[in-house]
Amino acid sequence: MVGELGRVTGAVGPGLVGEVMVRVRGGAEAFLAYPAEPGERIERGTVVLIVEYQPPRTVFVARAYA
């Protein structure tokens, strides 16, 4: 899971529980998402890199492209 790319479907940021869609096992699944950098806000539609995974469905993400 760590190192995979996903797309934000619900804004990720302080005080928010965001959502990221990630390709898994030939399909796409939703994961709860938090920013890897405290205080960072990542808008819907942004491609992100998963930097930490906490089973069963939580990920910490950073922007994939600057």
Protein backbone atom coordinates (compact mmCIF):
# COMPACT_ATOMS: atom_id res chain seq x y z
CA MET A 1 0.00 0.00 0.00
CA VAL A 2 2.79 2.47 0.88
CA GLY A 3 4.12 3.99 -2.34
CA GLU A 4 0.84 3.61 -4.25
CA LEU A 5 -0.87 6.58 -5.89
CA GLY A 6 -4.44 7.63 -5.24
CA ARG A 7 -6.84 10.47 -6.01
CA VAL A 8 -8.49 12.63 -3.35
CA THR A 9 -12.28 12.35 -3.49
CA GLY A 10 -12.95 14.22 -0.24
CA ALA A 11 -10.71 17.12 0.89
CA VAL A 12 -7.85 16.13 3.20
CA GLY A 13 -6.72 18.58 5.85
CA PRO A 14 -6.71 19.80 9.45
CA GLY A 15 -9.94 18.95 11.22
CA LEU A 16 -11.13 16.87 8.27
CA VAL A 17 -11.26 13.16 7.61
CA GLY A 18 -10.63 13.03 3.88
CA GLU A 19 -11.13 10.24 1.39
CA VAL A 20 -8.79 8.80 -1.22
CA MET A 21 -9.57 6.29 -3.96
CA VAL A 22 -6.75 3.79 -4.56
CA ARG A 23 -6.45 1.03 -7.15
CA VAL A 24 -6.38 -2.26 -5.26
CA ARG A 25 -6.73 -5.83 -6.55
CA GLY A 26 -7.93 -4.80 -10.01
CA GLY A 27 -10.50 -2.29 -8.74
CA ALA A 28 -10.67 0.95 -6.78
CA GLU A 29 -11.34 1.24 -3.06
CA ALA A 30 -11.93 4.20 -0.74
CA PHE A 31 -9.67 4.86 2.26
CA LEU A 32 -9.94 7.43 5.04
CA ALA A 33 -7.11 9.92 4.54
CA TYR A 34 -5.07 12.32 6.63
CA PRO A 35 -2.25 14.64 5.48
CA ALA A 36 1.29 13.36 6.09
CA GLU A 37 2.37 16.96 6.80
CA PRO A 38 0.43 18.39 9.77
CA GLY A 39 -1.67 21.40 8.77
CA GLU A 40 -1.54 20.69 5.03
CA ARG A 41 -4.78 20.84 3.03
CA ILE A 42 -5.15 18.74 -0.13
CA GLU A 43 -8.09 19.50 -2.38
CA ARG A 44 -10.39 17.10 -4.20
CA GLY A 45 -8.98 15.73 -7.46
CA THR A 46 -5.32 15.92 -6.37
CA VAL A 47 -3.12 12.89 -7.06
CA VAL A 48 -1.44 11.78 -3.84
CA LEU A 49 1.23 9.33 -2.70
CA ILE A 50 0.48 7.03 0.23
CA VAL A 51 3.27 7.43 2.77
CA GLU A 52 1.75 5.47 5.67
CA TYR A 53 -0.94 2.80 5.94
CA GLN A 54 -2.87 1.88 9.10
CA PRO A 55 -5.10 -1.15 8.61
CA PRO A 56 -7.81 -1.63 7.85
CA ARG A 57 -8.69 1.55 5.87
CA THR A 58 -6.63 4.57 6.91
CA VAL A 59 -3.81 6.21 4.96
CA PHE A 60 -1.57 9.25 5.36
CA VAL A 61 -0.89 11.02 2.07
CA ALA A 62 1.29 13.68 0.43
CA ARG A 63 0.91 15.39 -2.94
CA ALA A 64 2.45 13.19 -5.64
CA TYR A 65 3.42 16.10 -7.90
CA ALA A 66 4.65 19.52 -6.81
